[in-house]
All heavy atoms as atom14 arrays in JSON, in Angstrom:
{
  "sequence": "IKIIFTTAYRDYAVEGFELQAVDYLLKPISFERLLKAVNNYFD",
  "atom14_mask": [
    [1, 1, 1, 1, 1, 1, 1, 1, 0, 0, 0, 0, 0, 0],
    [1, 1, 1, 1, 1, 1, 1, 1, 1, 0, 0, 0, 0, 0],
    [1, 1, 1, 1, 1, 1, 1, 1, 0, 0, 0, 0, 0, 0],
    [1, 1, 1, 1, 1, 1, 1, 1, 0, 0, 0, 0, 0, 0],
    [1, 1, 1, 1, 1, 1, 1, 1, 1, 1, 1, 0, 0, 0],
    [1, 1, 1, 1, 1, 1, 1, 0, 0, 0, 0, 0, 0, 0],
    [1, 1, 1, 1, 1, 1, 1, 0, 0, 0, 0, 0, 0, 0],
    [1, 1, 1, 1, 1, 0, 0, 0, 0, 0, 0, 0, 0, 0],
    [1, 1, 1, 1, 1, 1, 1, 1, 1, 1, 1, 1, 0, 0],
    [1, 1, 1, 1, 1, 1, 1, 1, 1, 1, 1, 0, 0, 0],
    [1, 1, 1, 1, 1, 1, 1, 1, 0, 0, 0, 0, 0, 0],
    [1, 1, 1, 1, 1, 1, 1, 1, 1, 1, 1, 1, 0, 0],
    [1, 1, 1, 1, 1, 0, 0, 0, 0, 0, 0, 0, 0, 0],
    [1, 1, 1, 1, 1, 1, 1, 0, 0, 0, 0, 0, 0, 0],
    [1, 1, 1, 1, 1, 1, 1, 1, 1, 0, 0, 0, 0, 0],
    [1, 1, 1, 1, 0, 0, 0, 0, 0, 0, 0, 0, 0, 0],
    [1, 1, 1, 1, 1, 1, 1, 1, 1, 1, 1, 0, 0, 0],
    [1, 1, 1, 1, 1, 1, 1, 1, 1, 0, 0, 0, 0, 0],
    [1, 1, 1, 1, 1, 1, 1, 1, 0, 0, 0, 0, 0, 0],
    [1, 1, 1, 1, 1, 1, 1, 1, 1, 0, 0, 0, 0, 0],
    [1, 1, 1, 1, 1, 0, 0, 0, 0, 0, 0, 0, 0, 0],
    [1, 1, 1, 1, 1, 1, 1, 0, 0, 0, 0, 0, 0, 0],
    [1, 1, 1, 1, 1, 1, 1, 1, 0, 0, 0, 0, 0, 0],
    [1, 1, 1, 1, 1, 1, 1, 1, 1, 1, 1, 1, 0, 0],
    [1, 1, 1, 1, 1, 1, 1, 1, 0, 0, 0, 0, 0, 0],
    [1, 1, 1, 1, 1, 1, 1, 1, 0, 0, 0, 0, 0, 0],
    [1, 1, 1, 1, 1, 1, 1, 1, 1, 0, 0, 0, 0, 0],
    [1, 1, 1, 1, 1, 1, 1, 0, 0, 0, 0, 0, 0, 0],
    [1, 1, 1, 1, 1, 1, 1, 1, 0, 0, 0, 0, 0, 0],
    [1, 1, 1, 1, 1, 1, 0, 0, 0, 0, 0, 0, 0, 0],
    [1, 1, 1, 1, 1, 1, 1, 1, 1, 1, 1, 0, 0, 0],
    [1, 1, 1, 1, 1, 1, 1, 1, 1, 0, 0, 0, 0, 0],
    [1, 1, 1, 1, 1, 1, 1, 1, 1, 1, 1, 0, 0, 0],
    [1, 1, 1, 1, 1, 1, 1, 1, 0, 0, 0, 0, 0, 0],
    [1, 1, 1, 1, 1, 1, 1, 1, 0, 0, 0, 0, 0, 0],
    [1, 1, 1, 1, 1, 1, 1, 1, 1, 0, 0, 0, 0, 0],
    [1, 1, 1, 1, 1, 0, 0, 0, 0, 0, 0, 0, 0, 0],
    [1, 1, 1, 1, 1, 1, 1, 0, 0, 0, 0, 0, 0, 0],
    [1, 1, 1, 1, 1, 1, 1, 1, 0, 0, 0, 0, 0, 0],
    [1, 1, 1, 1, 1, 1, 1, 1, 0, 0, 0, 0, 0, 0],
    [1, 1, 1, 1, 1, 1, 1, 1, 1, 1, 1, 1, 0, 0],
    [1, 1, 1, 1, 1, 1, 1, 1, 1, 1, 1, 0, 0, 0],
    [1, 1, 1, 1, 1, 1, 1, 1, 0, 0, 0, 0, 0, 0]
  ],
  "atom14_positions": [
    [[-7.97, -53.75, -23.71], [-8.61, -53.83, -24.97], [-10.12, -53.66, -24.63], [-10.72, -54.45, -23.93], [-8.45, -55.15, -25.77], [-6.91, -55.26, -26.05], [-9.11, -55.03, -27.16], [-6.55, -56.61, -26.68], [0.0, 0.0, 0.0], [0.0, 0.0, 0.0], [0.0, 0.0, 0.0], [0.0, 0.0, 0.0], [0.0, 0.0, 0.0], [0.0, 0.0, 0.0]],
    [[-10.74, -52.6, -25.16], [-12.2, -52.27, -24.86], [-13.09, -53.03, -25.85], [-12.76, -53.28, -26.9], [-12.34, -50.89, -24.83], [-11.45, -50.11, -23.9], [-11.44, -50.64, -22.45], [-10.3, -50.05, -21.61], [-10.23, -50.63, -20.31], [0.0, 0.0, 0.0], [0.0, 0.0, 0.0], [0.0, 0.0, 0.0], [0.0, 0.0, 0.0], [0.0, 0.0, 0.0]],
    [[-14.34, -53.29, -25.31], [-15.35, -54.09, -26.04], [-16.61, -53.29, -26.24], [-17.1, -52.64, -25.42], [-15.67, -55.35, -25.27], [-14.45, -56.31, -25.02], [-16.67, -56.2, -26.0], [-13.84, -56.89, -26.24], [0.0, 0.0, 0.0], [0.0, 0.0, 0.0], [0.0, 0.0, 0.0], [0.0, 0.0, 0.0], [0.0, 0.0, 0.0], [0.0, 0.0, 0.0]],
    [[-17.06, -53.38, -27.53], [-18.49, -52.99, -27.81], [-19.17, -54.28, -28.27], [-18.74, -54.76, -29.42], [-18.56, -51.87, -28.85], [-18.01, -50.54, -28.27], [-20.04, -51.69, -29.3], [-17.93, -49.42, -29.3], [0.0, 0.0, 0.0], [0.0, 0.0, 0.0], [0.0, 0.0, 0.0], [0.0, 0.0, 0.0], [0.0, 0.0, 0.0], [0.0, 0.0, 0.0]],
    [[-20.14, -54.79, -27.61], [-20.83, -56.03, -27.93], [-21.81, -55.7, -29.11], [-22.48, -54.67, -29.14], [-21.6, -56.65, -26.82], [-20.65, -57.38, -25.94], [-20.49, -56.85, -24.62], [-19.96, -58.4, -26.29], [-19.6, -57.65, -23.81], [-19.25, -59.2, -25.52], [-18.96, -58.77, -24.15], [0.0, 0.0, 0.0], [0.0, 0.0, 0.0], [0.0, 0.0, 0.0]],
    [[-21.95, -56.54, -30.14], [-22.88, -56.51, -31.12], [-23.66, -57.78, -31.25], [-22.97, -58.87, -31.36], [-22.23, -56.24, -32.53], [-21.33, -57.31, -32.85], [-21.43, -54.94, -32.38], [0.0, 0.0, 0.0], [0.0, 0.0, 0.0], [0.0, 0.0, 0.0], [0.0, 0.0, 0.0], [0.0, 0.0, 0.0], [0.0, 0.0, 0.0], [0.0, 0.0, 0.0]],
    [[-24.99, -57.77, -31.26], [-25.79, -59.04, -31.14], [-27.16, -58.81, -31.57], [-27.63, -57.65, -31.5], [-25.84, -59.63, -29.73], [-26.45, -60.93, -29.72], [-26.41, -58.69, -28.7], [0.0, 0.0, 0.0], [0.0, 0.0, 0.0], [0.0, 0.0, 0.0], [0.0, 0.0, 0.0], [0.0, 0.0, 0.0], [0.0, 0.0, 0.0], [0.0, 0.0, 0.0]],
    [[-27.85, -59.9, -31.96], [-29.25, -59.75, -32.3], [-30.19, -60.14, -31.11], [-31.35, -60.12, -31.23], [-29.52, -60.79, -33.49], [0.0, 0.0, 0.0], [0.0, 0.0, 0.0], [0.0, 0.0, 0.0], [0.0, 0.0, 0.0], [0.0, 0.0, 0.0], [0.0, 0.0, 0.0], [0.0, 0.0, 0.0], [0.0, 0.0, 0.0], [0.0, 0.0, 0.0]],
    [[-29.52, -60.45, -30.02], [-30.28, -60.87, -28.81], [-30.13, -59.96, -27.63], [-28.94, -59.57, -27.29], [-29.76, -62.35, -28.36], [-29.95, -63.29, -29.52], [-28.74, -63.57, -30.29], [-31.08, -63.9, -29.85], [-28.85, -64.5, -31.45], [-31.19, -64.89, -30.9], [-30.03, -65.12, -31.66], [-30.07, -66.01, -32.68], [0.0, 0.0, 0.0], [0.0, 0.0, 0.0]],
    [[-31.24, -59.6, -26.93], [-31.25, -58.65, -25.82], [-30.76, -59.46, -24.53], [-30.37, -58.85, -23.6], [-32.65, -58.07, -25.57], [-33.08, -57.16, -26.65], [-34.39, -56.59, -26.35], [-34.87, -55.74, -27.37], [-34.49, -54.4, -27.53], [-33.85, -53.84, -26.49], [-34.97, -53.65, -28.43], [0.0, 0.0, 0.0], [0.0, 0.0, 0.0], [0.0, 0.0, 0.0]],
    [[-30.9, -60.78, -24.61], [-30.73, -61.6, -23.39], [-29.33, -61.46, -22.71], [-29.12, -61.66, -21.58], [-30.95, -63.06, -23.64], [-32.33, -63.29, -24.29], [-33.16, -62.4, -24.28], [-32.6, -64.52, -24.72], [0.0, 0.0, 0.0], [0.0, 0.0, 0.0], [0.0, 0.0, 0.0], [0.0, 0.0, 0.0], [0.0, 0.0, 0.0], [0.0, 0.0, 0.0]],
    [[-28.35, -61.05, -23.5], [-26.98, -60.96, -23.06], [-26.58, -59.55, -22.48], [-25.42, -59.45, -22.08], [-26.02, -61.33, -24.14], [-26.16, -62.77, -24.78], [-26.71, -62.95, -25.91], [-25.75, -63.85, -24.11], [-26.86, -64.16, -26.5], [-25.88, -65.09, -24.56], [-26.49, -65.25, -25.8], [-26.57, -66.56, -26.32], [0.0, 0.0, 0.0], [0.0, 0.0, 0.0]],
    [[-27.48, -58.58, -22.53], [-27.15, -57.28, -22.23], [-26.54, -57.15, -20.73], [-25.54, -56.48, -20.58], [-28.35, -56.35, -22.3], [0.0, 0.0, 0.0], [0.0, 0.0, 0.0], [0.0, 0.0, 0.0], [0.0, 0.0, 0.0], [0.0, 0.0, 0.0], [0.0, 0.0, 0.0], [0.0, 0.0, 0.0], [0.0, 0.0, 0.0], [0.0, 0.0, 0.0]],
    [[-27.28, -57.79, -19.84], [-26.69, -57.64, -18.41], [-25.29, -58.21, -18.33], [-24.43, -57.52, -17.68], [-27.7, -58.37, -17.4], [-27.08, -58.4, -16.04], [-29.02, -57.65, -17.43], [0.0, 0.0, 0.0], [0.0, 0.0, 0.0], [0.0, 0.0, 0.0], [0.0, 0.0, 0.0], [0.0, 0.0, 0.0], [0.0, 0.0, 0.0], [0.0, 0.0, 0.0]],
    [[-25.09, -59.41, -18.85], [-23.74, -59.98, -18.79], [-22.72, -59.08, -19.45], [-21.63, -59.05, -19.0], [-23.76, -61.4, -19.3], [-22.55, -62.18, -18.99], [-22.6, -63.62, -19.27], [-23.64, -64.04, -19.83], [-21.68, -64.4, -19.03], [0.0, 0.0, 0.0], [0.0, 0.0, 0.0], [0.0, 0.0, 0.0], [0.0, 0.0, 0.0], [0.0, 0.0, 0.0]],
    [[-23.11, -58.51, -20.56], [-22.19, -57.7, -21.39], [-21.78, -56.45, -20.54], [-20.53, -56.23, -20.51], [0.0, 0.0, 0.0], [0.0, 0.0, 0.0], [0.0, 0.0, 0.0], [0.0, 0.0, 0.0], [0.0, 0.0, 0.0], [0.0, 0.0, 0.0], [0.0, 0.0, 0.0], [0.0, 0.0, 0.0], [0.0, 0.0, 0.0], [0.0, 0.0, 0.0]],
    [[-22.61, -55.85, -19.87], [-22.23, -54.72, -19.15], [-21.51, -55.06, -17.83], [-20.74, -54.28, -17.32], [-23.51, -53.79, -18.82], [-23.97, -53.0, -19.97], [-25.17, -53.23, -20.55], [-23.16, -52.04, -20.54], [-25.61, -52.45, -21.67], [-23.54, -51.31, -21.59], [-24.79, -51.46, -22.11], [0.0, 0.0, 0.0], [0.0, 0.0, 0.0], [0.0, 0.0, 0.0]],
    [[-21.8, -56.3, -17.29], [-21.02, -56.72, -16.17], [-19.58, -56.9, -16.56], [-18.69, -56.77, -15.69], [-21.59, -58.1, -15.67], [-22.84, -57.96, -14.86], [-23.46, -59.3, -14.46], [-22.89, -60.35, -14.87], [-24.35, -59.31, -13.67], [0.0, 0.0, 0.0], [0.0, 0.0, 0.0], [0.0, 0.0, 0.0], [0.0, 0.0, 0.0], [0.0, 0.0, 0.0]],
    [[-19.26, -57.09, -17.76], [-17.88, -57.15, -18.24], [-17.28, -55.84, -18.61], [-16.18, -55.66, -19.18], [-17.8, -58.06, -19.58], [-18.02, -59.55, -19.19], [-18.19, -60.3, -20.55], [-16.82, -60.14, -18.52], [0.0, 0.0, 0.0], [0.0, 0.0, 0.0], [0.0, 0.0, 0.0], [0.0, 0.0, 0.0], [0.0, 0.0, 0.0], [0.0, 0.0, 0.0]],
    [[-18.04, -54.76, -18.22], [-17.62, -53.39, -18.37], [-17.46, -52.98, -19.91], [-16.42, -52.33, -20.18], [-16.4, -52.98, -17.55], [-16.51, -53.18, -16.17], [-15.27, -52.89, -15.21], [-14.26, -53.09, -15.73], [-15.51, -52.31, -14.13], [0.0, 0.0, 0.0], [0.0, 0.0, 0.0], [0.0, 0.0, 0.0], [0.0, 0.0, 0.0], [0.0, 0.0, 0.0]],
    [[-18.36, -53.47, -20.66], [-18.34, -53.14, -22.1], [-18.57, -51.64, -22.28], [-19.32, -51.11, -21.49], [-19.3, -53.99, -22.92], [0.0, 0.0, 0.0], [0.0, 0.0, 0.0], [0.0, 0.0, 0.0], [0.0, 0.0, 0.0], [0.0, 0.0, 0.0], [0.0, 0.0, 0.0], [0.0, 0.0, 0.0], [0.0, 0.0, 0.0], [0.0, 0.0, 0.0]],
    [[-17.97, -51.05, -23.27], [-18.28, -49.75, -23.68], [-19.69, -49.44, -24.04], [-20.28, -48.55, -23.58], [-17.34, -49.14, -24.72], [-17.72, -47.75, -25.07], [-15.85, -49.28, -24.26], [0.0, 0.0, 0.0], [0.0, 0.0, 0.0], [0.0, 0.0, 0.0], [0.0, 0.0, 0.0], [0.0, 0.0, 0.0], [0.0, 0.0, 0.0], [0.0, 0.0, 0.0]],
    [[-20.25, -50.38, -24.74], [-21.67, -50.33, -25.22], [-22.13, -51.65, -25.63], [-21.44, -52.55, -25.71], [-21.76, -49.28, -26.32], [-23.1, -48.52, -26.41], [-24.15, -49.14, -25.81], [-23.23, -47.32, -26.76], [0.0, 0.0, 0.0], [0.0, 0.0, 0.0], [0.0, 0.0, 0.0], [0.0, 0.0, 0.0], [0.0, 0.0, 0.0], [0.0, 0.0, 0.0]],
    [[-23.42, -51.71, -25.95], [-24.14, -53.04, -26.27], [-25.02, -52.6, -27.42], [-26.13, -52.03, -27.18], [-24.85, -53.55, -25.13], [-25.49, -54.92, -25.21], [-24.85, -56.0, -24.83], [-26.8, -54.97, -25.82], [-25.54, -57.25, -25.05], [-27.37, -56.23, -25.93], [-26.76, -57.31, -25.53], [-27.45, -58.6, -25.67], [0.0, 0.0, 0.0], [0.0, 0.0, 0.0]],
    [[-24.73, -53.09, -28.63], [-25.53, -52.7, -29.86], [-26.28, -53.85, -30.39], [-25.84, -54.97, -30.56], [-24.57, -52.21, -30.96], [-23.63, -51.13, -30.64], [-22.75, -50.73, -31.85], [-24.29, -49.91, -30.17], [0.0, 0.0, 0.0], [0.0, 0.0, 0.0], [0.0, 0.0, 0.0], [0.0, 0.0, 0.0], [0.0, 0.0, 0.0], [0.0, 0.0, 0.0]],
    [[-27.64, -53.58, -30.57], [-28.48, -54.59, -31.15], [-28.58, -54.47, -32.68], [-28.66, -53.41, -33.19], [-29.88, -54.47, -30.48], [-30.12, -54.96, -29.04], [-31.51, -54.55, -28.63], [-29.94, -56.38, -29.06], [0.0, 0.0, 0.0], [0.0, 0.0, 0.0], [0.0, 0.0, 0.0], [0.0, 0.0, 0.0], [0.0, 0.0, 0.0], [0.0, 0.0, 0.0]],
    [[-28.49, -55.61, -33.31], [-28.63, -55.64, -34.81], [-30.05, -55.55, -35.13], [-30.92, -56.05, -34.44], [-27.96, -57.03, -35.32], [-26.51, -57.23, -34.99], [-26.05, -58.59, -35.43], [-24.51, -58.75, -35.18], [-24.1, -60.19, -35.51], [0.0, 0.0, 0.0], [0.0, 0.0, 0.0], [0.0, 0.0, 0.0], [0.0, 0.0, 0.0], [0.0, 0.0, 0.0]],
    [[-30.32, -55.01, -36.35], [-29.43, -54.33, -37.25], [-28.85, -53.06, -36.67], [-29.71, -52.26, -36.04], [-30.18, -54.13, -38.47], [-31.68, -53.97, -37.96], [-31.71, -55.08, -36.79], [0.0, 0.0, 0.0], [0.0, 0.0, 0.0], [0.0, 0.0, 0.0], [0.0, 0.0, 0.0], [0.0, 0.0, 0.0], [0.0, 0.0, 0.0], [0.0, 0.0, 0.0]],
    [[-27.56, -52.71, -36.88], [-26.92, -51.63, -36.29], [-26.95, -50.43, -37.24], [-26.45, -50.5, -38.31], [-25.56, -51.96, -35.75], [-25.51, -53.16, -34.81], [-24.82, -50.7, -35.23], [-24.16, -53.71, -34.72], [0.0, 0.0, 0.0], [0.0, 0.0, 0.0], [0.0, 0.0, 0.0], [0.0, 0.0, 0.0], [0.0, 0.0, 0.0], [0.0, 0.0, 0.0]],
    [[-27.61, -49.4, -36.77], [-27.54, -48.08, -37.69], [-26.29, -47.37, -37.44], [-25.57, -47.54, -36.47], [-28.76, -47.18, -37.26], [-28.6, -46.64, -35.92], [0.0, 0.0, 0.0], [0.0, 0.0, 0.0], [0.0, 0.0, 0.0], [0.0, 0.0, 0.0], [0.0, 0.0, 0.0], [0.0, 0.0, 0.0], [0.0, 0.0, 0.0], [0.0, 0.0, 0.0]],
    [[-26.0, -46.45, -38.37], [-24.76, -45.7, -38.3], [-24.8, -44.74, -37.05], [-23.88, -44.56, -36.37], [-24.58, -44.84, -39.57], [-23.47, -43.81, -39.5], [-22.12, -44.15, -39.54], [-23.72, -42.45, -39.27], [-21.17, -43.33, -39.37], [-22.62, -41.52, -39.19], [-21.37, -41.88, -39.15], [0.0, 0.0, 0.0], [0.0, 0.0, 0.0], [0.0, 0.0, 0.0]],
    [[-26.02, -44.12, -36.82], [-26.3, -43.26, -35.74], [-26.0, -43.88, -34.48], [-25.24, -43.41, -33.49], [-27.61, -42.61, -35.75], [-27.82, -41.68, -36.87], [-28.08, -42.4, -38.24], [-28.36, -43.58, -38.22], [-27.93, -41.65, -39.24], [0.0, 0.0, 0.0], [0.0, 0.0, 0.0], [0.0, 0.0, 0.0], [0.0, 0.0, 0.0], [0.0, 0.0, 0.0]],
    [[-26.43, -45.08, -34.34], [-26.17, -45.83, -32.9], [-24.75, -46.22, -32.77], [-24.23, -46.15, -31.6], [-27.12, -47.11, -32.83], [-27.02, -47.87, -31.59], [-27.65, -47.06, -30.46], [-27.42, -47.73, -29.2], [-26.4, -47.55, -28.41], [-25.4, -46.89, -28.78], [-26.31, -48.27, -27.29], [0.0, 0.0, 0.0], [0.0, 0.0, 0.0], [0.0, 0.0, 0.0]],
    [[-24.03, -46.7, -33.89], [-22.69, -47.11, -33.78], [-21.84, -45.87, -33.48], [-20.91, -45.98, -32.65], [-22.23, -47.81, -35.08], [-20.78, -48.36, -34.98], [-20.75, -49.66, -35.59], [-19.86, -47.35, -35.73], [0.0, 0.0, 0.0], [0.0, 0.0, 0.0], [0.0, 0.0, 0.0], [0.0, 0.0, 0.0], [0.0, 0.0, 0.0], [0.0, 0.0, 0.0]],
    [[-22.19, -44.73, -34.07], [-21.48, -43.46, -33.9], [-21.51, -43.07, -32.34], [-20.47, -42.66, -31.8], [-21.95, -42.38, -34.81], [-21.33, -41.0, -34.59], [-19.8, -40.99, -34.83], [-22.03, -39.96, -35.4], [0.0, 0.0, 0.0], [0.0, 0.0, 0.0], [0.0, 0.0, 0.0], [0.0, 0.0, 0.0], [0.0, 0.0, 0.0], [0.0, 0.0, 0.0]],
    [[-22.71, -43.3, -31.83], [-22.78, -42.89, -30.34], [-21.89, -43.82, -29.49], [-21.33, -43.38, -28.55], [-24.32, -43.08, -29.95], [-24.56, -42.78, -28.57], [-26.07, -42.98, -28.18], [-26.29, -42.75, -26.61], [-27.67, -43.0, -26.28], [0.0, 0.0, 0.0], [0.0, 0.0, 0.0], [0.0, 0.0, 0.0], [0.0, 0.0, 0.0], [0.0, 0.0, 0.0]],
    [[-21.84, -45.11, -29.89], [-21.09, -46.07, -29.12], [-19.58, -45.7, -29.21], [-18.77, -45.73, -28.22], [-21.17, -47.47, -29.65], [0.0, 0.0, 0.0], [0.0, 0.0, 0.0], [0.0, 0.0, 0.0], [0.0, 0.0, 0.0], [0.0, 0.0, 0.0], [0.0, 0.0, 0.0], [0.0, 0.0, 0.0], [0.0, 0.0, 0.0], [0.0, 0.0, 0.0]],
    [[-19.12, -45.32, -30.54], [-17.71, -44.88, -30.56], [-17.38, -43.58, -29.82], [-16.37, -43.45, -29.23], [-17.36, -44.68, -32.12], [-16.01, -44.09, -32.21], [-17.51, -46.09, -32.81], [0.0, 0.0, 0.0], [0.0, 0.0, 0.0], [0.0, 0.0, 0.0], [0.0, 0.0, 0.0], [0.0, 0.0, 0.0], [0.0, 0.0, 0.0], [0.0, 0.0, 0.0]],
    [[-18.36, -42.63, -29.84], [-18.18, -41.4, -29.04], [-18.15, -41.76, -27.56], [-17.37, -41.05, -26.86], [-19.35, -40.49, -29.31], [-19.11, -39.64, -30.66], [-17.98, -39.35, -30.96], [-20.24, -39.31, -31.31], [0.0, 0.0, 0.0], [0.0, 0.0, 0.0], [0.0, 0.0, 0.0], [0.0, 0.0, 0.0], [0.0, 0.0, 0.0], [0.0, 0.0, 0.0]],
    [[-18.91, -42.73, -27.1], [-18.76, -43.13, -25.69], [-17.34, -43.63, -25.36], [-16.85, -43.28, -24.34], [-19.77, -44.19, -25.41], [-21.21, -43.76, -25.4], [-21.44, -42.62, -25.21], [-22.16, -44.72, -25.52], [0.0, 0.0, 0.0], [0.0, 0.0, 0.0], [0.0, 0.0, 0.0], [0.0, 0.0, 0.0], [0.0, 0.0, 0.0], [0.0, 0.0, 0.0]],
    [[-16.89, -44.4, -26.31], [-15.45, -44.87, -26.12], [-14.51, -43.71, -26.06], [-13.55, -43.65, -25.09], [-15.05, -45.8, -27.32], [-13.53, -46.11, -27.31], [-13.08, -47.18, -26.52], [-12.66, -45.34, -28.1], [-11.72, -47.43, -26.55], [-11.37, -45.65, -28.08], [-10.84, -46.72, -27.28], [-9.46, -46.85, -27.29], [0.0, 0.0, 0.0], [0.0, 0.0, 0.0]],
    [[-14.61, -42.75, -26.89], [-13.6, -41.64, -26.88], [-13.76, -40.76, -25.7], [-12.72, -40.3, -25.09], [-13.82, -40.76, -28.18], [-13.12, -41.21, -29.42], [-13.78, -41.62, -30.57], [-11.7, -41.36, -29.39], [-13.15, -42.04, -31.71], [-11.1, -41.83, -30.49], [-11.75, -42.12, -31.67], [0.0, 0.0, 0.0], [0.0, 0.0, 0.0], [0.0, 0.0, 0.0]],
    [[-15.04, -40.68, -25.24], [-15.25, -39.88, -24.03], [-14.56, -40.51, -22.79], [-13.98, -39.74, -21.92], [-16.83, -39.73, -23.7], [-17.45, -38.8, -24.73], [-16.75, -38.04, -25.38], [-18.7, -38.93, -24.81], [0.0, 0.0, 0.0], [0.0, 0.0, 0.0], [0.0, 0.0, 0.0], [0.0, 0.0, 0.0], [0.0, 0.0, 0.0], [0.0, 0.0, 0.0]]
  ]
}
């Protein structure tokens, strides 16, 4: 099960990617940024 992290805090970015997350989105999340994350997943 793949993960895209969503958070208001930048502090967790390193730990998030260490867990091999597909992407790491900072709130507020725009449609364009979320679409890019989903495209990363499909790729």
